[in-house]
N, C-alpha and C. Protein backbone atom coordinates (compact mmCIF):
# COMPACT_ATOMS: atom_id res chain seq x y z
N MET A 1 -11.78 -1.10 -20.22
CA MET A 1 -12.14 -1.09 -18.82
C MET A 1 -10.84 -1.07 -17.98
N PRO A 2 -10.68 -0.10 -17.10
CA PRO A 2 -9.45 -0.03 -16.29
C PRO A 2 -9.40 -1.15 -15.25
N ARG A 3 -8.21 -1.54 -14.90
CA ARG A 3 -8.04 -2.51 -13.82
C ARG A 3 -8.38 -1.82 -12.51
N ARG A 4 -8.89 -2.61 -11.57
CA ARG A 4 -9.31 -2.08 -10.28
C ARG A 4 -8.38 -2.58 -9.19
N SER A 5 -8.12 -1.70 -8.22
CA SER A 5 -7.25 -2.02 -7.10
C SER A 5 -7.88 -1.42 -5.85
N ALA A 6 -7.59 -2.03 -4.69
CA ALA A 6 -8.14 -1.53 -3.43
C ALA A 6 -7.09 -1.67 -2.34
N GLY A 7 -7.12 -0.73 -1.38
CA GLY A 7 -6.13 -0.77 -0.32
C GLY A 7 -6.59 -0.10 0.96
N ILE A 8 -5.77 -0.24 1.98
CA ILE A 8 -6.05 0.34 3.29
C ILE A 8 -4.87 1.16 3.75
N LEU A 9 -5.16 2.42 4.07
CA LEU A 9 -4.15 3.34 4.59
C LEU A 9 -4.29 3.36 6.11
N LEU A 10 -3.38 2.65 6.78
CA LEU A 10 -3.39 2.59 8.23
C LEU A 10 -2.73 3.84 8.77
N TYR A 11 -3.33 4.43 9.81
CA TYR A 11 -2.74 5.63 10.41
C TYR A 11 -2.77 5.53 11.92
N ARG A 12 -1.90 6.29 12.55
CA ARG A 12 -1.90 6.44 14.00
C ARG A 12 -1.70 7.93 14.30
N LEU A 13 -2.18 8.35 15.48
CA LEU A 13 -2.22 9.78 15.78
C LEU A 13 -1.12 10.28 16.69
N ALA A 14 -0.52 9.44 17.49
CA ALA A 14 0.46 9.91 18.47
C ALA A 14 1.88 9.64 17.97
N PRO A 15 2.77 10.56 18.08
CA PRO A 15 2.64 11.92 18.63
C PRO A 15 1.97 12.88 17.64
N ALA A 16 2.09 12.63 16.34
CA ALA A 16 1.42 13.39 15.29
C ALA A 16 0.95 12.36 14.27
N PRO A 17 0.02 12.71 13.39
CA PRO A 17 -0.46 11.71 12.42
C PRO A 17 0.67 11.09 11.60
N GLN A 18 0.63 9.77 11.53
CA GLN A 18 1.58 9.00 10.72
C GLN A 18 0.80 7.95 9.94
N VAL A 19 1.35 7.57 8.79
CA VAL A 19 0.74 6.54 7.96
C VAL A 19 1.75 5.41 7.74
N LEU A 20 1.22 4.21 7.58
CA LEU A 20 2.05 3.03 7.32
C LEU A 20 2.10 2.79 5.82
N LEU A 21 3.30 2.80 5.27
CA LEU A 21 3.51 2.56 3.85
C LEU A 21 4.43 1.37 3.66
N GLY A 22 4.30 0.71 2.52
CA GLY A 22 5.18 -0.40 2.19
C GLY A 22 6.07 -0.02 1.01
N HIS A 23 7.35 -0.39 1.11
CA HIS A 23 8.29 -0.16 0.00
C HIS A 23 8.11 -1.30 -0.98
N MET A 24 7.88 -0.97 -2.24
CA MET A 24 7.60 -1.99 -3.24
C MET A 24 8.81 -2.89 -3.45
N GLY A 25 8.55 -4.18 -3.46
CA GLY A 25 9.62 -5.16 -3.61
C GLY A 25 9.98 -5.42 -5.05
N GLY A 26 11.05 -6.15 -5.23
CA GLY A 26 11.49 -6.52 -6.57
C GLY A 26 12.63 -5.65 -7.07
N PRO A 27 13.26 -6.09 -8.14
CA PRO A 27 14.47 -5.42 -8.62
C PRO A 27 14.24 -4.02 -9.18
N PHE A 28 13.05 -3.71 -9.67
CA PHE A 28 12.81 -2.38 -10.25
C PHE A 28 12.84 -1.29 -9.18
N TRP A 29 12.50 -1.64 -7.95
CA TRP A 29 12.38 -0.65 -6.87
C TRP A 29 13.53 -0.74 -5.86
N ALA A 30 14.42 -1.69 -6.01
CA ALA A 30 15.43 -1.98 -5.00
C ALA A 30 16.30 -0.78 -4.64
N ARG A 31 16.66 0.04 -5.59
CA ARG A 31 17.57 1.16 -5.34
C ARG A 31 16.84 2.51 -5.28
N LYS A 32 15.51 2.45 -5.20
CA LYS A 32 14.72 3.69 -5.16
C LYS A 32 14.11 3.84 -3.78
N ASP A 33 13.93 5.09 -3.36
CA ASP A 33 13.29 5.35 -2.08
C ASP A 33 12.16 6.37 -2.25
N ASP A 34 12.48 7.61 -2.58
CA ASP A 34 11.43 8.59 -2.79
C ASP A 34 10.59 8.17 -3.99
N GLY A 35 9.28 8.18 -3.80
CA GLY A 35 8.36 7.78 -4.86
C GLY A 35 8.26 6.28 -5.07
N ALA A 36 8.80 5.49 -4.15
CA ALA A 36 8.82 4.03 -4.31
C ALA A 36 8.04 3.31 -3.21
N TRP A 37 7.26 4.03 -2.45
CA TRP A 37 6.45 3.46 -1.37
C TRP A 37 4.99 3.50 -1.77
N SER A 38 4.19 2.61 -1.19
CA SER A 38 2.80 2.49 -1.60
C SER A 38 1.90 2.20 -0.41
N ILE A 39 0.64 2.57 -0.57
CA ILE A 39 -0.40 2.11 0.35
C ILE A 39 -0.54 0.62 0.11
N PRO A 40 -0.64 -0.22 1.15
CA PRO A 40 -0.86 -1.65 0.92
C PRO A 40 -2.15 -1.85 0.12
N LYS A 41 -2.02 -2.41 -1.07
CA LYS A 41 -3.16 -2.53 -1.98
C LYS A 41 -2.91 -3.61 -3.00
N GLY A 42 -3.94 -3.94 -3.76
CA GLY A 42 -3.78 -4.90 -4.82
C GLY A 42 -5.01 -4.97 -5.70
N GLU A 43 -4.84 -5.63 -6.82
CA GLU A 43 -5.91 -5.74 -7.81
C GLU A 43 -7.00 -6.69 -7.37
N HIS A 44 -8.20 -6.45 -7.92
CA HIS A 44 -9.33 -7.35 -7.69
C HIS A 44 -10.20 -7.35 -8.94
N GLY A 45 -10.95 -8.41 -9.08
CA GLY A 45 -11.87 -8.53 -10.21
C GLY A 45 -13.24 -7.99 -9.85
N ASP A 46 -14.11 -7.99 -10.84
CA ASP A 46 -15.48 -7.52 -10.63
C ASP A 46 -16.26 -8.41 -9.68
N ASP A 47 -15.81 -9.64 -9.51
CA ASP A 47 -16.51 -10.59 -8.64
C ASP A 47 -16.12 -10.48 -7.16
N GLU A 48 -15.21 -9.58 -6.83
CA GLU A 48 -14.77 -9.42 -5.44
C GLU A 48 -15.09 -8.01 -4.97
N GLU A 49 -15.66 -7.90 -3.78
CA GLU A 49 -15.96 -6.60 -3.20
C GLU A 49 -14.64 -5.86 -2.94
N PRO A 50 -14.55 -4.58 -3.28
CA PRO A 50 -13.30 -3.84 -3.08
C PRO A 50 -12.79 -3.86 -1.63
N LEU A 51 -13.68 -3.74 -0.65
CA LEU A 51 -13.22 -3.74 0.74
C LEU A 51 -12.64 -5.10 1.13
N ALA A 52 -13.26 -6.17 0.66
CA ALA A 52 -12.72 -7.51 0.93
C ALA A 52 -11.34 -7.66 0.29
N ALA A 53 -11.18 -7.12 -0.93
CA ALA A 53 -9.88 -7.18 -1.61
C ALA A 53 -8.85 -6.35 -0.85
N ALA A 54 -9.25 -5.19 -0.35
CA ALA A 54 -8.32 -4.32 0.40
C ALA A 54 -7.83 -5.04 1.65
N ARG A 55 -8.74 -5.69 2.36
CA ARG A 55 -8.34 -6.44 3.57
C ARG A 55 -7.41 -7.60 3.21
N ARG A 56 -7.73 -8.33 2.14
CA ARG A 56 -6.90 -9.46 1.70
C ARG A 56 -5.51 -8.99 1.32
N GLU A 57 -5.44 -7.92 0.54
CA GLU A 57 -4.15 -7.42 0.07
C GLU A 57 -3.30 -6.88 1.23
N PHE A 58 -3.92 -6.22 2.19
CA PHE A 58 -3.18 -5.73 3.36
C PHE A 58 -2.50 -6.91 4.04
N GLU A 59 -3.26 -7.98 4.24
CA GLU A 59 -2.69 -9.15 4.92
C GLU A 59 -1.62 -9.84 4.07
N GLU A 60 -1.83 -9.93 2.77
CA GLU A 60 -0.83 -10.55 1.89
C GLU A 60 0.47 -9.75 1.87
N GLU A 61 0.36 -8.43 1.83
CA GLU A 61 1.55 -7.60 1.70
C GLU A 61 2.28 -7.37 3.01
N LEU A 62 1.55 -7.40 4.14
CA LEU A 62 2.20 -7.10 5.42
C LEU A 62 2.21 -8.28 6.39
N GLY A 63 1.50 -9.34 6.08
CA GLY A 63 1.52 -10.52 6.93
C GLY A 63 0.70 -10.40 8.19
N SER A 64 -0.24 -9.48 8.21
CA SER A 64 -1.06 -9.25 9.40
C SER A 64 -2.44 -8.78 8.96
N PRO A 65 -3.49 -9.22 9.66
CA PRO A 65 -4.81 -8.65 9.35
C PRO A 65 -4.81 -7.15 9.68
N VAL A 66 -5.75 -6.44 9.13
CA VAL A 66 -5.86 -5.00 9.38
C VAL A 66 -6.15 -4.76 10.85
N PRO A 67 -5.27 -4.04 11.56
CA PRO A 67 -5.48 -3.81 13.00
C PRO A 67 -6.29 -2.54 13.28
N ALA A 68 -7.41 -2.39 12.57
CA ALA A 68 -8.26 -1.21 12.76
C ALA A 68 -9.69 -1.70 12.99
N ALA A 69 -10.34 -1.13 13.97
CA ALA A 69 -11.72 -1.53 14.28
C ALA A 69 -12.70 -1.02 13.24
N ALA A 70 -12.48 0.19 12.76
CA ALA A 70 -13.38 0.79 11.78
C ALA A 70 -12.57 1.31 10.60
N LEU A 71 -13.17 1.21 9.42
CA LEU A 71 -12.52 1.72 8.21
C LEU A 71 -13.40 2.78 7.58
N ILE A 72 -12.77 3.88 7.18
CA ILE A 72 -13.48 5.02 6.62
C ILE A 72 -13.11 5.14 5.15
N PRO A 73 -14.09 5.18 4.25
CA PRO A 73 -13.76 5.29 2.83
C PRO A 73 -13.10 6.63 2.49
N LEU A 74 -12.00 6.55 1.74
CA LEU A 74 -11.33 7.75 1.23
C LEU A 74 -11.62 7.95 -0.25
N GLY A 75 -12.44 7.08 -0.81
CA GLY A 75 -12.87 7.24 -2.18
C GLY A 75 -11.99 6.55 -3.20
N GLU A 76 -12.26 6.90 -4.45
CA GLU A 76 -11.62 6.26 -5.59
C GLU A 76 -10.88 7.32 -6.41
N LEU A 77 -9.72 6.95 -6.92
CA LEU A 77 -8.92 7.81 -7.79
C LEU A 77 -8.32 6.98 -8.90
N ARG A 78 -8.01 7.64 -9.99
CA ARG A 78 -7.23 6.98 -11.04
C ARG A 78 -5.77 7.13 -10.65
N ALA A 79 -5.08 6.00 -10.47
CA ALA A 79 -3.66 5.97 -10.13
C ALA A 79 -2.96 5.21 -11.25
N GLY A 80 -2.38 5.94 -12.17
CA GLY A 80 -1.78 5.31 -13.34
C GLY A 80 -2.88 4.73 -14.21
N SER A 81 -2.77 3.46 -14.54
CA SER A 81 -3.77 2.81 -15.40
C SER A 81 -4.86 2.13 -14.59
N LYS A 82 -4.85 2.28 -13.27
CA LYS A 82 -5.81 1.60 -12.40
C LYS A 82 -6.76 2.58 -11.73
N LEU A 83 -7.92 2.06 -11.36
CA LEU A 83 -8.82 2.78 -10.47
C LEU A 83 -8.57 2.23 -9.08
N LEU A 84 -8.13 3.09 -8.17
CA LEU A 84 -7.76 2.68 -6.83
C LEU A 84 -8.79 3.19 -5.83
N THR A 85 -9.31 2.29 -5.00
CA THR A 85 -10.23 2.63 -3.93
C THR A 85 -9.52 2.37 -2.61
N VAL A 86 -9.55 3.35 -1.69
CA VAL A 86 -8.80 3.24 -0.43
C VAL A 86 -9.69 3.56 0.76
N TRP A 87 -9.46 2.84 1.84
CA TRP A 87 -10.08 3.10 3.13
C TRP A 87 -8.98 3.46 4.11
N ALA A 88 -9.32 4.29 5.10
CA ALA A 88 -8.39 4.65 6.17
C ALA A 88 -8.85 3.96 7.44
N GLY A 89 -7.89 3.54 8.24
CA GLY A 89 -8.19 2.93 9.52
C GLY A 89 -7.14 3.29 10.54
N GLU A 90 -7.59 3.64 11.74
CA GLU A 90 -6.65 3.94 12.82
C GLU A 90 -6.24 2.65 13.49
N GLY A 91 -4.95 2.45 13.61
CA GLY A 91 -4.43 1.25 14.24
C GLY A 91 -2.92 1.31 14.32
N ASP A 92 -2.33 0.28 14.87
CA ASP A 92 -0.88 0.24 15.00
C ASP A 92 -0.39 -1.13 14.56
N LEU A 93 0.81 -1.16 14.06
CA LEU A 93 1.42 -2.39 13.57
C LEU A 93 2.92 -2.21 13.66
N ASP A 94 3.64 -3.26 14.03
CA ASP A 94 5.09 -3.21 14.08
C ASP A 94 5.62 -3.30 12.65
N ALA A 95 6.04 -2.19 12.10
CA ALA A 95 6.51 -2.15 10.71
C ALA A 95 7.72 -3.04 10.49
N GLY A 96 8.51 -3.24 11.51
CA GLY A 96 9.71 -4.06 11.38
C GLY A 96 9.43 -5.56 11.37
N ALA A 97 8.19 -5.94 11.65
CA ALA A 97 7.86 -7.36 11.76
C ALA A 97 7.01 -7.87 10.59
N ILE A 98 6.93 -7.10 9.51
CA ILE A 98 6.08 -7.55 8.40
C ILE A 98 6.68 -8.78 7.72
N VAL A 99 5.79 -9.59 7.17
CA VAL A 99 6.18 -10.77 6.39
C VAL A 99 5.32 -10.74 5.14
N SER A 100 5.91 -10.34 4.04
CA SER A 100 5.17 -10.14 2.80
C SER A 100 5.07 -11.40 1.98
N GLY A 101 3.98 -11.48 1.21
CA GLY A 101 3.87 -12.51 0.20
C GLY A 101 4.87 -12.22 -0.91
N THR A 102 5.01 -13.15 -1.84
CA THR A 102 5.99 -12.99 -2.91
C THR A 102 5.33 -13.05 -4.29
N PHE A 103 6.08 -12.64 -5.29
CA PHE A 103 5.66 -12.78 -6.68
C PHE A 103 6.83 -13.32 -7.48
N GLU A 104 6.53 -13.94 -8.61
CA GLU A 104 7.57 -14.48 -9.49
C GLU A 104 7.85 -13.51 -10.62
N LEU A 105 9.14 -13.44 -11.00
CA LEU A 105 9.55 -12.57 -12.09
C LEU A 105 10.78 -13.18 -12.75
N GLU A 106 10.79 -13.18 -14.08
CA GLU A 106 11.99 -13.60 -14.78
C GLU A 106 13.04 -12.50 -14.59
N TRP A 107 14.12 -12.87 -13.90
CA TRP A 107 15.16 -11.88 -13.61
C TRP A 107 16.51 -12.54 -13.61
N PRO A 108 17.49 -11.96 -14.27
CA PRO A 108 17.42 -10.81 -15.16
C PRO A 108 16.52 -11.08 -16.37
N PRO A 109 16.06 -10.00 -17.02
CA PRO A 109 15.18 -10.16 -18.18
C PRO A 109 15.80 -11.06 -19.25
N ARG A 110 14.97 -11.88 -19.85
CA ARG A 110 15.35 -12.80 -20.94
C ARG A 110 16.42 -13.81 -20.52
N SER A 111 16.57 -14.03 -19.22
CA SER A 111 17.57 -14.99 -18.74
C SER A 111 17.00 -16.39 -18.63
N GLY A 112 15.66 -16.50 -18.62
CA GLY A 112 15.02 -17.79 -18.42
C GLY A 112 14.97 -18.20 -16.95
N ARG A 113 15.53 -17.39 -16.09
CA ARG A 113 15.59 -17.70 -14.65
C ARG A 113 14.46 -16.95 -13.92
N VAL A 114 13.58 -17.70 -13.28
CA VAL A 114 12.47 -17.11 -12.54
C VAL A 114 12.86 -17.03 -11.07
N GLN A 115 12.70 -15.83 -10.50
CA GLN A 115 13.02 -15.63 -9.09
C GLN A 115 11.78 -15.16 -8.35
N HIS A 116 11.80 -15.35 -7.04
CA HIS A 116 10.72 -14.88 -6.18
C HIS A 116 11.18 -13.62 -5.46
N PHE A 117 10.30 -12.63 -5.42
CA PHE A 117 10.59 -11.37 -4.74
C PHE A 117 9.43 -11.03 -3.82
N PRO A 118 9.69 -10.35 -2.70
CA PRO A 118 8.59 -9.95 -1.82
C PRO A 118 7.77 -8.84 -2.48
N GLU A 119 6.44 -8.87 -2.27
CA GLU A 119 5.61 -7.78 -2.78
C GLU A 119 6.00 -6.46 -2.12
N VAL A 120 6.29 -6.54 -0.83
CA VAL A 120 6.74 -5.39 -0.05
C VAL A 120 8.02 -5.82 0.66
N ASP A 121 9.13 -5.10 0.44
CA ASP A 121 10.37 -5.55 1.07
C ASP A 121 10.60 -4.94 2.45
N ARG A 122 9.86 -3.88 2.77
CA ARG A 122 9.90 -3.31 4.12
C ARG A 122 8.72 -2.36 4.27
N ALA A 123 8.40 -2.05 5.50
CA ALA A 123 7.33 -1.10 5.79
C ALA A 123 7.85 -0.10 6.81
N ALA A 124 7.23 1.07 6.85
CA ALA A 124 7.65 2.10 7.80
C ALA A 124 6.50 3.08 8.02
N TRP A 125 6.56 3.73 9.19
CA TRP A 125 5.63 4.80 9.52
C TRP A 125 6.25 6.13 9.11
N PHE A 126 5.44 6.99 8.49
CA PHE A 126 5.89 8.30 8.06
C PHE A 126 4.88 9.36 8.48
N GLY A 127 5.39 10.53 8.90
CA GLY A 127 4.53 11.69 9.07
C GLY A 127 3.97 12.07 7.70
N LEU A 128 2.89 12.83 7.67
CA LEU A 128 2.22 13.14 6.41
C LEU A 128 3.13 13.88 5.42
N ASP A 129 3.95 14.80 5.90
CA ASP A 129 4.83 15.53 4.98
C ASP A 129 5.88 14.62 4.34
N GLU A 130 6.49 13.77 5.15
CA GLU A 130 7.49 12.84 4.60
C GLU A 130 6.82 11.81 3.69
N ALA A 131 5.61 11.38 4.06
CA ALA A 131 4.89 10.40 3.24
C ALA A 131 4.61 10.95 1.84
N ARG A 132 4.40 12.26 1.71
CA ARG A 132 4.16 12.86 0.39
C ARG A 132 5.36 12.66 -0.54
N VAL A 133 6.56 12.62 0.03
CA VAL A 133 7.78 12.42 -0.76
C VAL A 133 7.99 10.94 -1.07
N LYS A 134 7.69 10.09 -0.11
CA LYS A 134 7.95 8.65 -0.25
C LYS A 134 6.93 7.94 -1.15
N LEU A 135 5.68 8.37 -1.09
CA LEU A 135 4.58 7.70 -1.77
C LEU A 135 4.65 7.90 -3.29
N VAL A 136 4.25 6.88 -4.05
CA VAL A 136 4.13 7.05 -5.50
C VAL A 136 3.13 8.17 -5.76
N LYS A 137 3.41 8.98 -6.76
CA LYS A 137 2.64 10.22 -6.97
C LYS A 137 1.13 10.02 -7.09
N GLY A 138 0.70 8.97 -7.76
CA GLY A 138 -0.72 8.76 -7.97
C GLY A 138 -1.52 8.52 -6.70
N GLN A 139 -0.83 8.19 -5.61
CA GLN A 139 -1.52 7.91 -4.34
C GLN A 139 -1.48 9.08 -3.36
N VAL A 140 -0.71 10.11 -3.64
CA VAL A 140 -0.56 11.25 -2.73
C VAL A 140 -1.89 11.92 -2.39
N PRO A 141 -2.86 12.04 -3.31
CA PRO A 141 -4.13 12.67 -2.93
C PRO A 141 -4.83 11.99 -1.75
N TYR A 142 -4.55 10.73 -1.52
CA TYR A 142 -5.17 10.07 -0.35
C TYR A 142 -4.64 10.65 0.96
N LEU A 143 -3.42 11.16 0.95
CA LEU A 143 -2.91 11.82 2.16
C LEU A 143 -3.70 13.09 2.45
N ASP A 144 -4.05 13.83 1.39
CA ASP A 144 -4.87 15.04 1.57
C ASP A 144 -6.24 14.68 2.11
N ARG A 145 -6.81 13.60 1.59
CA ARG A 145 -8.13 13.17 2.05
C ARG A 145 -8.07 12.74 3.52
N LEU A 146 -7.00 12.05 3.90
CA LEU A 146 -6.85 11.64 5.30
C LEU A 146 -6.68 12.87 6.18
N ALA A 147 -5.84 13.81 5.77
CA ALA A 147 -5.61 15.03 6.56
C ALA A 147 -6.92 15.79 6.77
N ALA A 148 -7.75 15.87 5.72
CA ALA A 148 -9.05 16.55 5.85
C ALA A 148 -9.96 15.81 6.82
N LEU A 149 -9.90 14.50 6.78
CA LEU A 149 -10.70 13.67 7.69
C LEU A 149 -10.28 13.88 9.14
N LEU A 150 -8.98 14.02 9.36
CA LEU A 150 -8.46 14.16 10.73
C LEU A 150 -8.57 15.58 11.26
N ALA A 151 -8.80 16.57 10.37
CA ALA A 151 -8.87 17.98 10.79
C ALA A 151 -10.11 18.27 11.62
């Protein structure tokens, strides 16, 4: 059974469509940019509704509740080893003011030293073309779905 994940792709329309992405935190992503950004999302179990998980993860990763009045389902895709379900919502958020939750990781490996890293180390707004380069490949189809929705 694949692991399940859910997220929210926040977008704004002016001056042209832009999406809010988070740069993945931790030492594995620290020196990467292209292909190292993600839709705010996270795993959930069978006992949690995907939309509730998406809202929870957005707030955990960005430090703010979802600033969108309505959310539109963009469907489910296999992204790596996970099944990812995403909703789109129009809203605005100060990307420079995010406060992410953290995770623990033994770093350096086999050192016995556990460190805390932010889930998302920064967030930014990107136009759809630039977002295609920044986003991890498995999530790029959601940009196409959003573009079709906005057309």
